[in-house]
All heavy atoms as atom14 arrays in JSON, in Angstrom:
{
  "sequence": "VAKITSHGRTEYADHVEGRFTISRDGAKNTAF",
  "atom14_mask": [
    [1, 1, 1, 1, 1, 1, 1, 0, 0, 0, 0, 0, 0, 0],
    [1, 1, 1, 1, 1, 0, 0, 0, 0, 0, 0, 0, 0, 0],
    [1, 1, 1, 1, 1, 1, 1, 1, 1, 0, 0, 0, 0, 0],
    [1, 1, 1, 1, 1, 1, 1, 1, 0, 0, 0, 0, 0, 0],
    [1, 1, 1, 1, 1, 1, 1, 0, 0, 0, 0, 0, 0, 0],
    [1, 1, 1, 1, 1, 1, 0, 0, 0, 0, 0, 0, 0, 0],
    [1, 1, 1, 1, 1, 1, 1, 1, 1, 1, 0, 0, 0, 0],
    [1, 1, 1, 1, 0, 0, 0, 0, 0, 0, 0, 0, 0, 0],
    [1, 1, 1, 1, 1, 1, 1, 1, 1, 1, 1, 0, 0, 0],
    [1, 1, 1, 1, 1, 1, 1, 0, 0, 0, 0, 0, 0, 0],
    [1, 1, 1, 1, 1, 1, 1, 1, 1, 0, 0, 0, 0, 0],
    [1, 1, 1, 1, 1, 1, 1, 1, 1, 1, 1, 1, 0, 0],
    [1, 1, 1, 1, 1, 0, 0, 0, 0, 0, 0, 0, 0, 0],
    [1, 1, 1, 1, 1, 1, 1, 1, 0, 0, 0, 0, 0, 0],
    [1, 1, 1, 1, 1, 1, 1, 1, 1, 1, 0, 0, 0, 0],
    [1, 1, 1, 1, 1, 1, 1, 0, 0, 0, 0, 0, 0, 0],
    [1, 1, 1, 1, 1, 1, 1, 1, 1, 0, 0, 0, 0, 0],
    [1, 1, 1, 1, 0, 0, 0, 0, 0, 0, 0, 0, 0, 0],
    [1, 1, 1, 1, 1, 1, 1, 1, 1, 1, 1, 0, 0, 0],
    [1, 1, 1, 1, 1, 1, 1, 1, 1, 1, 1, 0, 0, 0],
    [1, 1, 1, 1, 1, 1, 1, 0, 0, 0, 0, 0, 0, 0],
    [1, 1, 1, 1, 1, 1, 1, 1, 0, 0, 0, 0, 0, 0],
    [1, 1, 1, 1, 1, 1, 0, 0, 0, 0, 0, 0, 0, 0],
    [1, 1, 1, 1, 1, 1, 1, 1, 1, 1, 1, 0, 0, 0],
    [1, 1, 1, 1, 1, 1, 1, 1, 0, 0, 0, 0, 0, 0],
    [1, 1, 1, 1, 0, 0, 0, 0, 0, 0, 0, 0, 0, 0],
    [1, 1, 1, 1, 1, 0, 0, 0, 0, 0, 0, 0, 0, 0],
    [1, 1, 1, 1, 1, 1, 1, 1, 1, 0, 0, 0, 0, 0],
    [1, 1, 1, 1, 1, 1, 1, 1, 0, 0, 0, 0, 0, 0],
    [1, 1, 1, 1, 1, 1, 1, 0, 0, 0, 0, 0, 0, 0],
    [1, 1, 1, 1, 1, 0, 0, 0, 0, 0, 0, 0, 0, 0],
    [1, 1, 1, 1, 1, 1, 1, 1, 1, 1, 1, 0, 0, 0]
  ],
  "atom14_positions": [
    [[125.25, 87.18, 200.05], [126.2, 86.43, 200.86], [126.32, 85.01, 200.35], [127.41, 84.49, 200.14], [125.77, 86.42, 202.34], [126.67, 85.49, 203.15], [125.79, 87.83, 202.92], [0.0, 0.0, 0.0], [0.0, 0.0, 0.0], [0.0, 0.0, 0.0], [0.0, 0.0, 0.0], [0.0, 0.0, 0.0], [0.0, 0.0, 0.0], [0.0, 0.0, 0.0]],
    [[125.18, 84.35, 200.17], [125.18, 82.95, 199.75], [123.84, 82.6, 199.12], [122.83, 83.24, 199.4], [125.46, 82.02, 200.93], [0.0, 0.0, 0.0], [0.0, 0.0, 0.0], [0.0, 0.0, 0.0], [0.0, 0.0, 0.0], [0.0, 0.0, 0.0], [0.0, 0.0, 0.0], [0.0, 0.0, 0.0], [0.0, 0.0, 0.0], [0.0, 0.0, 0.0]],
    [[123.87, 81.56, 198.3], [122.69, 81.17, 197.54], [122.7, 79.66, 197.4], [123.77, 79.06, 197.26], [122.74, 81.84, 196.18], [121.61, 81.56, 195.22], [121.87, 82.37, 193.94], [120.85, 82.09, 192.87], [121.11, 82.88, 191.65], [0.0, 0.0, 0.0], [0.0, 0.0, 0.0], [0.0, 0.0, 0.0], [0.0, 0.0, 0.0], [0.0, 0.0, 0.0]],
    [[121.53, 79.04, 197.44], [121.45, 77.6, 197.26], [120.23, 77.27, 196.4], [119.13, 77.8, 196.63], [121.4, 76.88, 198.63], [121.43, 75.36, 198.44], [120.19, 77.32, 199.46], [121.71, 74.6, 199.73], [0.0, 0.0, 0.0], [0.0, 0.0, 0.0], [0.0, 0.0, 0.0], [0.0, 0.0, 0.0], [0.0, 0.0, 0.0], [0.0, 0.0, 0.0]],
    [[120.42, 76.39, 195.43], [119.31, 76.02, 194.56], [118.5, 74.87, 195.18], [118.89, 74.28, 196.2], [119.82, 75.57, 193.19], [120.48, 74.31, 193.32], [120.79, 76.58, 192.6], [0.0, 0.0, 0.0], [0.0, 0.0, 0.0], [0.0, 0.0, 0.0], [0.0, 0.0, 0.0], [0.0, 0.0, 0.0], [0.0, 0.0, 0.0], [0.0, 0.0, 0.0]],
    [[117.41, 74.55, 194.52], [116.56, 73.46, 195.01], [117.28, 72.11, 194.88], [116.89, 71.14, 195.52], [115.24, 73.43, 194.25], [115.47, 73.27, 192.86], [0.0, 0.0, 0.0], [0.0, 0.0, 0.0], [0.0, 0.0, 0.0], [0.0, 0.0, 0.0], [0.0, 0.0, 0.0], [0.0, 0.0, 0.0], [0.0, 0.0, 0.0], [0.0, 0.0, 0.0]],
    [[118.35, 72.08, 194.07], [119.12, 70.85, 193.9], [120.35, 70.82, 194.8], [121.14, 69.88, 194.74], [119.56, 70.7, 192.44], [118.41, 70.64, 191.48], [117.55, 69.55, 191.41], [117.97, 71.53, 190.57], [116.64, 69.79, 190.48], [116.87, 70.98, 189.95], [0.0, 0.0, 0.0], [0.0, 0.0, 0.0], [0.0, 0.0, 0.0], [0.0, 0.0, 0.0]],
    [[120.5, 71.88, 195.62], [121.6, 71.89, 196.57], [122.88, 72.53, 196.07], [123.9, 72.51, 196.76], [0.0, 0.0, 0.0], [0.0, 0.0, 0.0], [0.0, 0.0, 0.0], [0.0, 0.0, 0.0], [0.0, 0.0, 0.0], [0.0, 0.0, 0.0], [0.0, 0.0, 0.0], [0.0, 0.0, 0.0], [0.0, 0.0, 0.0], [0.0, 0.0, 0.0]],
    [[122.86, 73.12, 194.89], [124.04, 73.81, 194.39], [124.2, 75.12, 195.13], [123.24, 75.88, 195.26], [123.93, 74.05, 192.89], [125.13, 74.78, 192.3], [124.97, 74.99, 190.81], [126.07, 75.76, 190.26], [126.18, 76.11, 188.99], [125.22, 75.76, 188.13], [127.21, 76.8, 188.56], [0.0, 0.0, 0.0], [0.0, 0.0, 0.0], [0.0, 0.0, 0.0]],
    [[125.42, 75.39, 195.59], [125.66, 76.58, 196.4], [126.57, 77.58, 195.7], [127.38, 77.22, 194.83], [126.27, 76.22, 197.76], [127.52, 75.53, 197.53], [125.35, 75.33, 198.57], [0.0, 0.0, 0.0], [0.0, 0.0, 0.0], [0.0, 0.0, 0.0], [0.0, 0.0, 0.0], [0.0, 0.0, 0.0], [0.0, 0.0, 0.0], [0.0, 0.0, 0.0]],
    [[126.41, 78.82, 196.12], [127.24, 79.91, 195.59], [127.48, 80.86, 196.75], [126.56, 81.15, 197.51], [126.48, 80.61, 194.46], [127.13, 81.85, 193.91], [126.23, 82.55, 192.89], [125.45, 81.86, 192.21], [126.3, 83.79, 192.79], [0.0, 0.0, 0.0], [0.0, 0.0, 0.0], [0.0, 0.0, 0.0], [0.0, 0.0, 0.0], [0.0, 0.0, 0.0]],
    [[128.74, 81.34, 196.87], [129.1, 82.24, 197.95], [129.76, 83.5, 197.42], [130.47, 83.46, 196.41], [130.06, 81.55, 198.93], [129.46, 80.38, 199.67], [129.59, 79.08, 199.18], [128.77, 80.57, 200.86], [129.03, 78.01, 199.86], [128.21, 79.51, 201.55], [128.35, 78.22, 201.03], [127.79, 77.16, 201.71], [0.0, 0.0, 0.0], [0.0, 0.0, 0.0]],
    [[129.59, 84.58, 198.14], [130.31, 85.8, 197.83], [131.79, 85.6, 198.15], [132.15, 84.8, 199.03], [129.75, 86.96, 198.66], [0.0, 0.0, 0.0], [0.0, 0.0, 0.0], [0.0, 0.0, 0.0], [0.0, 0.0, 0.0], [0.0, 0.0, 0.0], [0.0, 0.0, 0.0], [0.0, 0.0, 0.0], [0.0, 0.0, 0.0], [0.0, 0.0, 0.0]],
    [[132.63, 86.3, 197.42], [134.07, 86.12, 197.6], [134.52, 86.4, 199.03], [135.43, 85.74, 199.55], [134.83, 87.03, 196.63], [134.67, 86.58, 195.18], [134.31, 85.41, 194.97], [134.9, 87.41, 194.27], [0.0, 0.0, 0.0], [0.0, 0.0, 0.0], [0.0, 0.0, 0.0], [0.0, 0.0, 0.0], [0.0, 0.0, 0.0], [0.0, 0.0, 0.0]],
    [[133.89, 87.37, 199.69], [134.36, 87.79, 201.01], [133.97, 86.83, 202.11], [134.35, 87.0, 203.26], [133.82, 89.2, 201.33], [132.32, 89.26, 201.41], [131.61, 88.85, 202.51], [131.39, 89.68, 200.52], [130.32, 89.02, 202.29], [130.16, 89.52, 201.09], [0.0, 0.0, 0.0], [0.0, 0.0, 0.0], [0.0, 0.0, 0.0], [0.0, 0.0, 0.0]],
    [[133.2, 85.79, 201.77], [132.74, 84.83, 202.78], [133.9, 84.05, 203.38], [133.89, 83.7, 204.56], [131.69, 83.91, 202.15], [131.49, 82.65, 202.95], [130.38, 84.66, 201.98], [0.0, 0.0, 0.0], [0.0, 0.0, 0.0], [0.0, 0.0, 0.0], [0.0, 0.0, 0.0], [0.0, 0.0, 0.0], [0.0, 0.0, 0.0], [0.0, 0.0, 0.0]],
    [[134.9, 83.72, 202.56], [136.16, 83.1, 203.01], [135.96, 81.8, 203.77], [136.66, 81.52, 204.72], [136.94, 84.08, 203.88], [137.32, 85.37, 203.17], [138.02, 86.34, 204.1], [138.03, 86.11, 205.31], [138.55, 87.34, 203.58], [0.0, 0.0, 0.0], [0.0, 0.0, 0.0], [0.0, 0.0, 0.0], [0.0, 0.0, 0.0], [0.0, 0.0, 0.0]],
    [[134.98, 81.01, 203.42], [134.8, 79.69, 204.01], [134.17, 79.68, 205.39], [134.0, 78.62, 205.97], [0.0, 0.0, 0.0], [0.0, 0.0, 0.0], [0.0, 0.0, 0.0], [0.0, 0.0, 0.0], [0.0, 0.0, 0.0], [0.0, 0.0, 0.0], [0.0, 0.0, 0.0], [0.0, 0.0, 0.0], [0.0, 0.0, 0.0], [0.0, 0.0, 0.0]],
    [[133.81, 80.86, 205.91], [133.22, 80.89, 207.25], [131.7, 80.73, 207.23], [131.08, 80.54, 208.26], [133.59, 82.21, 207.94], [135.08, 82.39, 208.15], [135.37, 83.67, 208.93], [134.98, 84.86, 208.16], [133.99, 85.68, 208.51], [133.26, 85.42, 209.58], [133.72, 86.75, 207.79], [0.0, 0.0, 0.0], [0.0, 0.0, 0.0], [0.0, 0.0, 0.0]],
    [[131.12, 80.85, 206.05], [129.67, 80.79, 205.92], [129.29, 79.48, 205.21], [129.93, 79.1, 204.23], [129.15, 81.95, 205.07], [129.24, 83.3, 205.74], [130.45, 83.8, 206.19], [128.11, 84.08, 205.89], [130.54, 85.05, 206.79], [128.18, 85.32, 206.47], [129.38, 85.82, 206.92], [0.0, 0.0, 0.0], [0.0, 0.0, 0.0], [0.0, 0.0, 0.0]],
    [[128.24, 78.84, 205.7], [127.74, 77.64, 205.06], [126.23, 77.74, 204.92], [125.52, 77.88, 205.92], [128.08, 76.38, 205.88], [129.5, 76.31, 206.07], [127.61, 75.13, 205.14], [0.0, 0.0, 0.0], [0.0, 0.0, 0.0], [0.0, 0.0, 0.0], [0.0, 0.0, 0.0], [0.0, 0.0, 0.0], [0.0, 0.0, 0.0], [0.0, 0.0, 0.0]],
    [[125.76, 77.67, 203.69], [124.32, 77.7, 203.45], [123.83, 76.28, 203.23], [124.51, 75.46, 202.61], [123.97, 78.61, 202.24], [122.47, 78.83, 202.14], [124.55, 78.07, 200.94], [122.08, 79.92, 201.12], [0.0, 0.0, 0.0], [0.0, 0.0, 0.0], [0.0, 0.0, 0.0], [0.0, 0.0, 0.0], [0.0, 0.0, 0.0], [0.0, 0.0, 0.0]],
    [[122.66, 76.0, 203.76], [122.04, 74.7, 203.56], [120.54, 74.9, 203.43], [120.03, 75.99, 203.68], [122.37, 73.75, 204.72], [121.91, 74.29, 205.96], [0.0, 0.0, 0.0], [0.0, 0.0, 0.0], [0.0, 0.0, 0.0], [0.0, 0.0, 0.0], [0.0, 0.0, 0.0], [0.0, 0.0, 0.0], [0.0, 0.0, 0.0], [0.0, 0.0, 0.0]],
    [[119.88, 73.82, 203.07], [118.47, 73.99, 202.77], [117.71, 72.69, 202.94], [118.22, 71.61, 202.62], [118.32, 74.47, 201.33], [116.9, 74.65, 200.89], [116.83, 75.25, 199.5], [115.45, 75.32, 199.07], [115.05, 75.78, 197.9], [115.94, 76.23, 197.03], [113.78, 75.82, 197.58], [0.0, 0.0, 0.0], [0.0, 0.0, 0.0], [0.0, 0.0, 0.0]],
    [[116.49, 72.83, 203.43], [115.53, 71.72, 203.41], [114.55, 72.08, 202.29], [113.55, 72.75, 202.53], [114.83, 71.61, 204.75], [113.82, 70.47, 204.79], [113.53, 69.91, 203.72], [113.34, 70.15, 205.88], [0.0, 0.0, 0.0], [0.0, 0.0, 0.0], [0.0, 0.0, 0.0], [0.0, 0.0, 0.0], [0.0, 0.0, 0.0], [0.0, 0.0, 0.0]],
    [[114.86, 71.66, 201.09], [114.1, 72.12, 199.95], [112.63, 71.8, 200.01], [111.81, 72.56, 199.55], [0.0, 0.0, 0.0], [0.0, 0.0, 0.0], [0.0, 0.0, 0.0], [0.0, 0.0, 0.0], [0.0, 0.0, 0.0], [0.0, 0.0, 0.0], [0.0, 0.0, 0.0], [0.0, 0.0, 0.0], [0.0, 0.0, 0.0], [0.0, 0.0, 0.0]],
    [[112.28, 70.65, 200.6], [110.89, 70.25, 200.62], [110.04, 71.19, 201.46], [108.82, 71.24, 201.32], [110.78, 68.83, 201.15], [0.0, 0.0, 0.0], [0.0, 0.0, 0.0], [0.0, 0.0, 0.0], [0.0, 0.0, 0.0], [0.0, 0.0, 0.0], [0.0, 0.0, 0.0], [0.0, 0.0, 0.0], [0.0, 0.0, 0.0], [0.0, 0.0, 0.0]],
    [[110.71, 71.92, 202.35], [109.98, 72.81, 203.25], [110.27, 74.29, 202.98], [109.83, 75.13, 203.74], [110.33, 72.5, 204.71], [109.92, 71.09, 205.13], [110.26, 70.84, 206.59], [109.83, 69.46, 207.03], [110.17, 69.2, 208.45], [0.0, 0.0, 0.0], [0.0, 0.0, 0.0], [0.0, 0.0, 0.0], [0.0, 0.0, 0.0], [0.0, 0.0, 0.0]],
    [[111.0, 74.59, 201.91], [111.38, 75.99, 201.65], [112.0, 76.63, 202.88], [111.61, 77.73, 203.29], [110.18, 76.81, 201.17], [109.9, 76.62, 199.69], [110.78, 76.22, 198.93], [108.67, 76.89, 199.3], [0.0, 0.0, 0.0], [0.0, 0.0, 0.0], [0.0, 0.0, 0.0], [0.0, 0.0, 0.0], [0.0, 0.0, 0.0], [0.0, 0.0, 0.0]],
    [[112.93, 75.93, 203.47], [113.65, 76.41, 204.64], [115.13, 76.43, 204.32], [115.66, 75.46, 203.78], [113.38, 75.51, 205.85], [111.99, 75.54, 206.16], [114.18, 75.99, 207.05], [0.0, 0.0, 0.0], [0.0, 0.0, 0.0], [0.0, 0.0, 0.0], [0.0, 0.0, 0.0], [0.0, 0.0, 0.0], [0.0, 0.0, 0.0], [0.0, 0.0, 0.0]],
    [[115.79, 77.54, 204.65], [117.21, 77.67, 204.4], [117.91, 78.1, 205.68], [117.31, 78.76, 206.54], [117.47, 78.69, 203.3], [0.0, 0.0, 0.0], [0.0, 0.0, 0.0], [0.0, 0.0, 0.0], [0.0, 0.0, 0.0], [0.0, 0.0, 0.0], [0.0, 0.0, 0.0], [0.0, 0.0, 0.0], [0.0, 0.0, 0.0], [0.0, 0.0, 0.0]],
    [[119.17, 77.71, 205.79], [119.96, 78.04, 206.96], [121.27, 78.69, 206.51], [121.78, 78.41, 205.43], [120.28, 76.79, 207.78], [119.07, 76.0, 208.17], [118.66, 74.91, 207.4], [118.32, 76.35, 209.27], [117.54, 74.18, 207.74], [117.19, 75.62, 209.63], [116.8, 74.54, 208.87], [0.0, 0.0, 0.0], [0.0, 0.0, 0.0], [0.0, 0.0, 0.0]]
  ]
}
């Protein structure tokens, strides 16, 4: 569905259509 690197770079599946947002607190290995 979505992917985020430790530097904050994001990637989304085509079908997401802007409704999904991935974020991350990299220092804590926590993603939303």
